Structure formats: C-alpha cells, structure tokens
Amino acid sequence: MSIVSPQLLKVNVGSTHSVSALLSRPSGANACFVFAHGAGAGMTHPFMEQVSDGLYERGIATVRYQFPYMESGSKRPDAPALAQATVRATVAEAARCCPGLALIAGGKSFGGRMTSQAQAAAPLTGVRGLAFLGFPLHPAGKPSEARAKHLEHVDIPMLFIQGTRDKLAETELLEPVVKRLGKLVLLHRVLEADHSFHVLARSGRNDGEVMREIVDTLSAWIDTNS
C-alpha cells in the first residue's frame, strides 16, 4: 500500500495551549491508534514515523501528536495534569476527524504512561484499549512498581510491548504487575530489545526485524480490540 503524506492537525488543549498532530488514514481503516511520543523525542522521531507507516500499511489509521513542552522546544516534560489534558484533547480530536473508527490510545514510554494516567483518572471517551510501547515502569537503576499503581483503575484492555533488556521495566517486576491486572492485559516481550527497541548484533536480529515484530503485534491486537 502506498503511504500518503499525513495531514497536519492543530489540537487545542484548554484555552492556553495548542499542539500539532499528524493524521495518517488509509482507505478502509476501521481503527485509529492515537499515540504520544516519549520524553526525549517528538512525534516526527523515526520510531514514531515507522510505527505510523507500519500501521498504515496494515490498514490502521494513526494520530501522533506533541506534548506542549515538545511543541515549544523545551526539554522538560509537562506536569502530569497538562500532559493528561493533552491526551484527552487529542483523543477527542481524533474522534472528530475519524468518525466511526474504533479508538486505541497509548504511546512510547512517557506518552504511554501519561495516557494510562489519563484513562485511570477518567475514561477517555470512545477509547477501547491502551497500547504501550516500552512502558516506563521505573527510572533506570531504581527498580520499583510505584508507577504501576494507577493501572489498577484502568478497566479496558491493555497491551504492553516491552524489550527484555529494557532498563526502565525490569522483567521480574513487570510480569507480576501484568498478571495482577488480569485477563484483559497482554504482555509481549521483544527478545534482546532495550527501551528504544534496539537490539545488539549478537542477538542475530536487526532493528528492522524488531520493528516489524512490534507493528505486527500491535496491529493484530488493535484488530482484536476494535
């Protein structure tokens, strides 16, 4: 499928902020993944673009977007309240632009965590599931489950795609968290991948193969939950 250039959107977050978003919608799509970037890179980062393009090729629309701090060129992430308001506003904009499409929300690292916090605080209208690409369970070198407590208040399906070398989510901590969350939650382990889903040459795989695995897993899960 030939990929068409994404449509630039502007999302108003309350009366004080607005952010950019990119809509990619293939013909015949029945679902849209609304996903946010990680703490250190915006919506045009190659990882975000590859996920969007990969889903487009598999017939799934995407809306990827900026947080206000990234939009303004700052390196300091927004406070959770503003980040969660941005998630909520962008989901509403995606629903407006893609009527009739099932909505899945989530994101890479920080973006996924802010989406889950927003959902835990009050359900995101129309969202049927959450998908996390490298959920940051704890800071590097500081293993803890503290960042997972709010997930107990999320009552829709969730997908965790996580590298087994991810230093922000030690496997022995994440696995019991997922198990406690119940049958609606799926953990997909990407062997030998780190938090950026990079694999070492000695793993016998390359980053392109890993990206195909990520997008195949994500698209199949979205199809099941849309």
Protein backbone atom coordinates (compact mmCIF):
# COMPACT_ATOMS: atom_id res chain seq x y z
CA MET A 1 0.00 0.00 0.00
CA SER A 2 1.36 3.41 -0.99
CA ILE A 3 1.68 5.69 2.06
CA VAL A 4 0.10 9.13 1.67
CA SER A 5 1.66 12.09 3.49
CA PRO A 6 -0.02 12.67 6.87
CA GLN A 7 -2.44 15.52 7.45
CA LEU A 8 -1.29 18.18 9.91
CA LEU A 9 -3.77 18.89 12.69
CA LYS A 10 -3.88 21.50 15.44
CA VAL A 11 -5.23 20.41 18.81
CA ASN A 12 -6.37 22.97 21.37
CA VAL A 13 -5.60 21.98 24.96
CA GLY A 14 -7.85 24.18 27.03
CA SER A 15 -7.56 27.90 26.36
CA THR A 16 -3.83 28.25 26.92
CA HIS A 17 -2.09 25.62 24.80
CA SER A 18 -2.26 24.09 21.35
CA VAL A 19 -0.19 21.27 19.88
CA SER A 20 0.46 19.73 16.49
CA ALA A 21 -0.66 16.28 15.44
CA LEU A 22 -0.30 14.15 12.32
CA LEU A 23 -3.21 12.08 10.97
CA SER A 24 -2.49 9.14 8.67
CA ARG A 25 -5.66 7.41 7.50
CA PRO A 26 -5.62 4.62 4.90
CA SER A 27 -8.78 3.93 2.95
CA GLY A 28 -10.89 1.22 4.55
CA ALA A 29 -9.47 1.74 8.05
CA ASN A 30 -11.72 0.65 10.91
CA ALA A 31 -9.46 1.69 13.81
CA CYS A 32 -7.20 4.59 14.78
CA PHE A 33 -4.23 4.47 17.16
CA VAL A 34 -3.82 7.79 18.99
CA PHE A 35 -0.28 7.77 20.32
CA ALA A 36 2.13 10.10 22.06
CA HIS A 37 5.90 10.36 21.97
CA GLY A 38 8.48 9.58 24.63
CA ALA A 39 10.06 12.16 26.92
CA GLY A 40 13.06 12.96 24.73
CA ALA A 41 11.75 12.96 21.14
CA GLY A 42 8.67 14.32 19.39
CA MET A 43 6.06 12.95 17.02
CA THR A 44 8.39 13.05 13.99
CA HIS A 45 11.03 10.81 15.57
CA PRO A 46 11.85 7.87 13.25
CA PHE A 47 10.35 5.38 15.72
CA MET A 48 7.02 7.23 15.74
CA GLU A 49 7.06 7.52 11.95
CA GLN A 50 7.87 3.84 11.48
CA VAL A 51 5.03 2.76 13.75
CA SER A 52 2.62 5.06 11.93
CA ASP A 53 3.75 3.90 8.47
CA GLY A 54 3.67 0.26 9.51
CA LEU A 55 0.11 0.53 10.80
CA TYR A 56 -0.93 2.44 7.67
CA GLU A 57 0.35 -0.43 5.54
CA ARG A 58 -1.78 -2.77 7.65
CA GLY A 59 -4.93 -0.66 7.22
CA ILE A 60 -4.91 1.14 10.58
CA ALA A 61 -5.11 4.92 10.95
CA THR A 62 -2.91 6.84 13.39
CA VAL A 63 -2.84 10.22 15.10
CA ARG A 64 0.57 11.01 16.60
CA TYR A 65 0.98 14.25 18.47
CA GLN A 66 3.16 16.57 20.51
CA PHE A 67 3.01 17.46 24.17
CA PRO A 68 3.13 21.22 24.85
CA TYR A 69 6.73 21.19 26.10
CA MET A 70 7.92 19.49 22.92
CA GLU A 71 5.85 21.87 20.80
CA SER A 72 7.60 24.84 22.44
CA GLY A 73 11.08 23.33 22.15
CA SER A 74 11.55 22.71 25.86
CA LYS A 75 13.34 19.63 27.16
CA ARG A 76 11.41 19.50 30.43
CA PRO A 77 8.27 17.33 30.23
CA ASP A 78 4.96 18.90 31.14
CA ALA A 79 3.36 18.39 34.53
CA PRO A 80 1.09 15.32 34.55
CA ALA A 81 -2.12 17.40 34.62
CA LEU A 82 -1.20 19.24 31.41
CA ALA A 83 0.12 16.08 29.72
CA GLN A 84 -3.09 14.21 30.57
CA ALA A 85 -5.22 17.11 29.31
CA THR A 86 -3.28 16.92 26.05
CA VAL A 87 -4.00 13.21 25.76
CA ARG A 88 -7.71 13.83 26.34
CA ALA A 89 -7.90 16.71 23.85
CA THR A 90 -6.11 14.73 21.15
CA VAL A 91 -8.34 11.68 21.60
CA ALA A 92 -11.35 13.99 21.18
CA GLU A 93 -9.81 15.48 18.02
CA ALA A 94 -9.13 12.01 16.63
CA ALA A 95 -12.75 11.06 17.23
CA ARG A 96 -13.86 14.20 15.39
CA CYS A 97 -11.56 13.57 12.43
CA CYS A 98 -12.21 9.82 12.24
CA PRO A 99 -15.90 9.26 12.99
CA GLY A 100 -16.85 5.61 13.11
CA LEU A 101 -13.30 4.36 13.72
CA ALA A 102 -12.54 2.42 16.89
CA LEU A 103 -10.04 4.35 19.01
CA ILE A 104 -6.99 2.85 20.70
CA ALA A 105 -4.74 5.17 22.70
CA GLY A 106 -1.23 4.90 24.08
CA GLY A 107 2.30 5.78 23.18
CA LYS A 108 6.01 5.39 23.58
CA SER A 109 7.38 5.44 27.14
CA PHE A 110 6.32 8.76 28.76
CA GLY A 111 3.49 9.14 26.24
CA GLY A 112 2.06 5.75 27.17
CA ARG A 113 2.30 6.45 30.88
CA MET A 114 0.51 9.80 30.57
CA THR A 115 -2.21 8.12 28.51
CA SER A 116 -2.73 5.43 31.13
CA GLN A 117 -2.86 8.04 33.90
CA ALA A 118 -5.49 9.99 31.95
CA GLN A 119 -7.57 6.84 31.46
CA ALA A 120 -7.24 5.92 35.14
CA ALA A 121 -8.40 9.39 36.23
CA ALA A 122 -11.47 9.37 33.95
CA PRO A 123 -12.18 7.13 30.94
CA LEU A 124 -11.07 8.57 27.60
CA THR A 125 -14.25 8.90 25.56
CA GLY A 126 -14.57 6.19 22.92
CA VAL A 127 -11.23 4.53 23.65
CA ARG A 128 -11.44 0.74 23.59
CA GLY A 129 -7.92 -0.15 24.69
CA LEU A 130 -4.47 1.15 25.58
CA ALA A 131 -1.20 0.09 23.94
CA PHE A 132 2.20 0.86 25.45
CA LEU A 133 5.46 0.75 23.50
CA GLY A 134 8.07 0.48 26.23
CA PHE A 135 6.12 1.35 29.38
CA PRO A 136 8.47 3.15 31.84
CA LEU A 137 7.74 1.17 34.98
CA HIS A 138 10.58 2.82 36.92
CA PRO A 139 13.62 5.08 36.42
CA ALA A 140 16.76 3.36 35.17
CA GLY A 141 18.62 1.77 38.06
CA LYS A 142 15.75 2.30 40.52
CA PRO A 143 13.52 -0.79 40.25
CA SER A 144 10.03 -0.19 41.63
CA GLU A 145 6.36 -0.84 40.87
CA ALA A 146 5.20 2.59 42.06
CA ARG A 147 4.44 3.84 38.56
CA ALA A 148 2.03 0.95 38.00
CA LYS A 149 -0.38 1.64 40.87
CA HIS A 150 -2.79 3.68 38.75
CA LEU A 151 -3.14 0.85 36.23
CA GLU A 152 -5.44 -0.90 38.68
CA HIS A 153 -8.01 1.77 37.82
CA VAL A 154 -7.90 1.05 34.08
CA ASP A 155 -10.69 -1.34 33.13
CA ILE A 156 -10.19 -1.66 29.37
CA PRO A 157 -7.77 -3.99 27.52
CA MET A 158 -4.09 -3.09 27.65
CA LEU A 159 -1.10 -4.22 25.61
CA PHE A 160 2.48 -3.90 26.85
CA ILE A 161 5.16 -4.31 24.17
CA GLN A 162 8.40 -4.45 26.12
CA GLY A 163 12.04 -5.23 25.37
CA THR A 164 13.64 -7.84 27.59
CA ARG A 165 16.71 -5.55 28.03
CA ASP A 166 14.59 -2.53 28.96
CA LYS A 167 16.26 -0.85 31.96
CA LEU A 168 13.07 1.11 32.68
CA ALA A 169 10.98 -2.02 33.17
CA GLU A 170 12.77 -4.96 34.71
CA THR A 171 11.06 -8.15 33.54
CA GLU A 172 10.83 -9.66 37.02
CA LEU A 173 8.85 -6.59 38.14
CA LEU A 174 6.67 -6.07 35.06
CA GLU A 175 5.48 -9.66 34.70
CA PRO A 176 3.74 -9.85 38.11
CA VAL A 177 2.21 -6.41 37.55
CA VAL A 178 0.66 -7.60 34.29
CA LYS A 179 -0.51 -10.83 35.89
CA ARG A 180 -2.27 -8.95 38.68
CA LEU A 181 -4.06 -6.71 36.18
CA GLY A 182 -5.96 -9.70 34.84
CA LYS A 183 -7.03 -11.34 31.60
CA LEU A 184 -7.66 -8.09 29.72
CA VAL A 185 -3.93 -7.33 29.77
CA LEU A 186 -1.30 -8.77 27.43
CA LEU A 187 2.49 -8.55 27.71
CA HIS A 188 4.51 -9.12 24.53
CA ARG A 189 8.23 -9.47 25.16
CA VAL A 190 10.60 -8.36 22.42
CA LEU A 191 13.68 -10.51 22.92
CA GLU A 192 17.02 -8.73 23.36
CA ALA A 193 15.50 -5.27 22.77
CA ASP A 194 16.24 -2.29 25.03
CA HIS A 195 13.94 0.62 25.93
CA SER A 196 14.40 2.08 22.43
CA PHE A 197 13.79 -1.39 20.93
CA HIS A 198 17.37 -1.55 19.73
CA VAL A 199 18.98 -4.99 19.55
CA LEU A 200 22.67 -5.85 19.61
CA ALA A 201 24.24 -7.51 16.57
CA ARG A 202 25.00 -10.63 18.58
CA SER A 203 21.26 -11.18 19.05
CA GLY A 204 21.07 -12.42 15.47
CA ARG A 205 18.39 -9.85 14.62
CA ASN A 206 18.35 -6.27 13.43
CA ASP A 207 16.23 -3.25 14.33
CA GLY A 208 14.15 -3.55 11.15
CA GLU A 209 13.07 -7.06 12.11
CA VAL A 210 12.22 -5.85 15.60
CA MET A 211 10.08 -3.03 14.21
CA ARG A 212 8.14 -5.49 12.05
CA GLU A 213 7.51 -7.62 15.13
CA ILE A 214 6.30 -4.59 17.07
CA VAL A 215 3.94 -3.42 14.34
CA ASP A 216 2.65 -6.93 13.60
CA THR A 217 1.90 -7.45 17.29
CA LEU A 218 0.30 -4.05 17.71
CA SER A 219 -1.84 -4.27 14.57
CA ALA A 220 -3.12 -7.76 15.43
CA TRP A 221 -4.04 -6.60 18.93
CA ILE A 222 -5.78 -3.48 17.61
CA ASP A 223 -7.77 -5.59 15.15
CA THR A 224 -8.87 -7.85 18.02
CA ASN A 225 -9.97 -4.93 20.18
CA SER A 226 -11.64 -2.73 17.59
